[in-house]
Amino acid sequence: CLWNLQTFSVTEDLHEIPMQIFYLGKLKSLSLENNRHLKSIPEEICNLKLLGELNLSGTGIKNLSTKVGTLKNLKLLDISNTPLAKHELNYYQQWHRYDKIDSIIKMLPKCKICLWPGTRIY
């Protein structure tokens, strides 16, 4: 039964995330890496209460819903090689703070966020 699935990786070139994924109640790791046409994460992401790792590296993500901040078990958020990461890095260089992910950082102080491969901010 898929309900017990704990790790899920989608390597197709998705344009959107199938809504069924958000009903996998025991999911702890979700990798959507290299889905370049994937531009957003639905607010239903907050249904994945046990999610500890979310890999969005190499996607077309430009924004993240603050609903990601409700994932209290999230320990690793990888947004490297995305338009969002590029924006955040440029913004930080100019203003010495983050823009769109600042609220997520505050809501999830124990989560490591990867903006560039091999780097983590807290």
Protein backbone atom coordinates (compact mmCIF):
# COMPACT_ATOMS: atom_id res chain seq x y z
CA CYS A 1 0.00 0.00 0.00
CA LEU A 2 1.37 3.43 -0.96
CA TRP A 3 0.09 4.91 2.31
CA ASN A 4 3.16 3.42 4.07
CA LEU A 5 5.66 4.87 1.56
CA GLN A 6 8.41 6.81 3.35
CA THR A 7 10.68 7.84 0.46
CA PHE A 8 9.50 9.03 -2.93
CA SER A 9 11.50 10.34 -5.88
CA VAL A 10 10.00 11.67 -9.10
CA THR A 11 12.49 12.00 -11.92
CA GLU A 12 10.03 12.66 -14.74
CA ASP A 13 9.81 16.16 -16.10
CA LEU A 14 6.74 17.22 -14.13
CA HIS A 15 4.85 20.42 -14.77
CA GLU A 16 2.94 19.98 -11.52
CA ILE A 17 3.03 17.60 -8.60
CA PRO A 18 0.34 14.91 -8.65
CA MET A 19 -2.02 15.66 -5.77
CA GLN A 20 -1.92 12.00 -4.66
CA ILE A 21 1.59 12.59 -3.31
CA PHE A 22 0.18 14.88 -0.63
CA TYR A 23 -1.86 12.03 0.82
CA LEU A 24 1.16 9.82 1.54
CA GLY A 25 0.88 10.35 5.29
CA LYS A 26 4.09 8.54 6.24
CA LEU A 27 6.32 10.20 3.65
CA LYS A 28 9.63 11.35 5.16
CA SER A 29 11.66 12.14 2.04
CA LEU A 30 10.43 13.68 -1.22
CA SER A 31 12.79 14.32 -4.12
CA LEU A 32 11.56 16.28 -7.12
CA GLU A 33 15.11 16.97 -8.30
CA ASN A 34 15.67 18.12 -11.90
CA ASN A 35 12.01 18.61 -12.80
CA ARG A 36 12.81 21.84 -14.63
CA HIS A 37 9.19 22.56 -15.62
CA LEU A 38 8.01 22.38 -12.02
CA LYS A 39 7.41 26.02 -11.05
CA SER A 40 5.57 25.81 -7.74
CA ILE A 41 4.73 23.63 -4.77
CA PRO A 42 1.03 23.51 -3.83
CA GLU A 43 -0.06 24.50 -0.34
CA GLU A 44 -1.09 20.88 0.19
CA ILE A 45 2.58 20.24 0.99
CA CYS A 46 1.56 20.98 4.58
CA ASN A 47 -0.31 17.62 4.61
CA LEU A 48 3.06 15.82 4.75
CA LYS A 49 3.52 16.23 8.50
CA LEU A 50 6.39 13.69 8.76
CA LEU A 51 8.39 15.08 5.85
CA GLY A 52 12.03 15.50 6.89
CA GLU A 53 13.72 16.08 3.52
CA LEU A 54 12.46 18.00 0.51
CA ASN A 55 14.73 18.12 -2.54
CA LEU A 56 13.71 20.73 -5.11
CA SER A 57 17.19 21.07 -6.62
CA GLY A 58 17.20 21.75 -10.34
CA THR A 59 13.50 22.56 -10.54
CA GLY A 60 11.98 25.76 -11.92
CA ILE A 61 10.74 26.82 -8.46
CA LYS A 62 10.58 30.61 -8.15
CA ASN A 63 8.61 30.89 -4.88
CA LEU A 64 7.81 28.74 -1.89
CA SER A 65 4.56 28.93 -0.01
CA THR A 66 4.94 29.80 3.65
CA LYS A 67 3.03 26.53 4.20
CA VAL A 68 6.47 24.87 3.90
CA GLY A 69 7.17 26.55 7.23
CA THR A 70 4.48 24.42 8.87
CA LEU A 71 6.47 21.23 8.19
CA LYS A 72 7.91 21.00 11.69
CA ASN A 73 9.84 17.77 10.94
CA LEU A 74 11.62 19.27 7.92
CA LYS A 75 15.38 19.06 8.50
CA LEU A 76 16.67 19.60 4.95
CA LEU A 77 15.29 21.78 2.18
CA ASP A 78 17.37 21.74 -1.01
CA ILE A 79 16.53 24.55 -3.42
CA SER A 80 19.94 24.69 -5.09
CA ASN A 81 20.05 25.29 -8.85
CA THR A 82 16.60 26.88 -8.91
CA PRO A 83 15.46 30.38 -9.92
CA LEU A 84 14.49 30.88 -6.25
CA ALA A 85 18.03 30.13 -5.04
CA LYS A 86 19.53 32.46 -7.64
CA HIS A 87 17.19 35.25 -6.51
CA GLU A 88 17.98 34.64 -2.83
CA LEU A 89 21.75 34.64 -3.39
CA ASN A 90 21.59 37.89 -5.38
CA TYR A 91 19.29 39.49 -2.80
CA TYR A 92 21.58 38.46 0.06
CA GLN A 93 24.63 39.95 -1.68
CA GLN A 94 22.84 43.27 -1.94
CA TRP A 95 20.86 43.43 1.32
CA HIS A 96 22.67 40.94 3.64
CA ARG A 97 19.44 39.11 4.36
CA TYR A 98 17.17 36.72 2.51
CA ASP A 99 13.99 37.76 0.78
CA LYS A 100 11.41 35.09 -0.03
CA ILE A 101 12.74 32.34 2.25
CA ASP A 102 13.29 34.54 5.31
CA SER A 103 9.95 33.61 6.87
CA ILE A 104 10.61 29.89 6.29
CA ILE A 105 14.01 30.22 7.97
CA LYS A 106 12.32 31.79 11.00
CA MET A 107 9.53 29.21 11.12
CA LEU A 108 11.91 26.24 10.81
CA PRO A 109 15.05 27.17 12.77
CA LYS A 110 16.34 23.57 12.80
CA CYS A 111 15.99 23.10 9.04
CA LYS A 112 19.12 23.24 6.89
CA ILE A 113 18.46 25.02 3.61
CA CYS A 114 20.73 24.39 0.64
CA LEU A 115 20.92 27.32 -1.80
CA TRP A 116 24.05 26.21 -3.60
CA PRO A 117 25.27 22.62 -3.96
CA GLY A 118 27.28 21.71 -0.89
CA THR A 119 26.24 24.73 1.19
CA ARG A 120 23.71 24.98 3.98
CA ILE A 121 22.24 27.95 5.82
CA TYR A 122 20.31 27.76 9.04
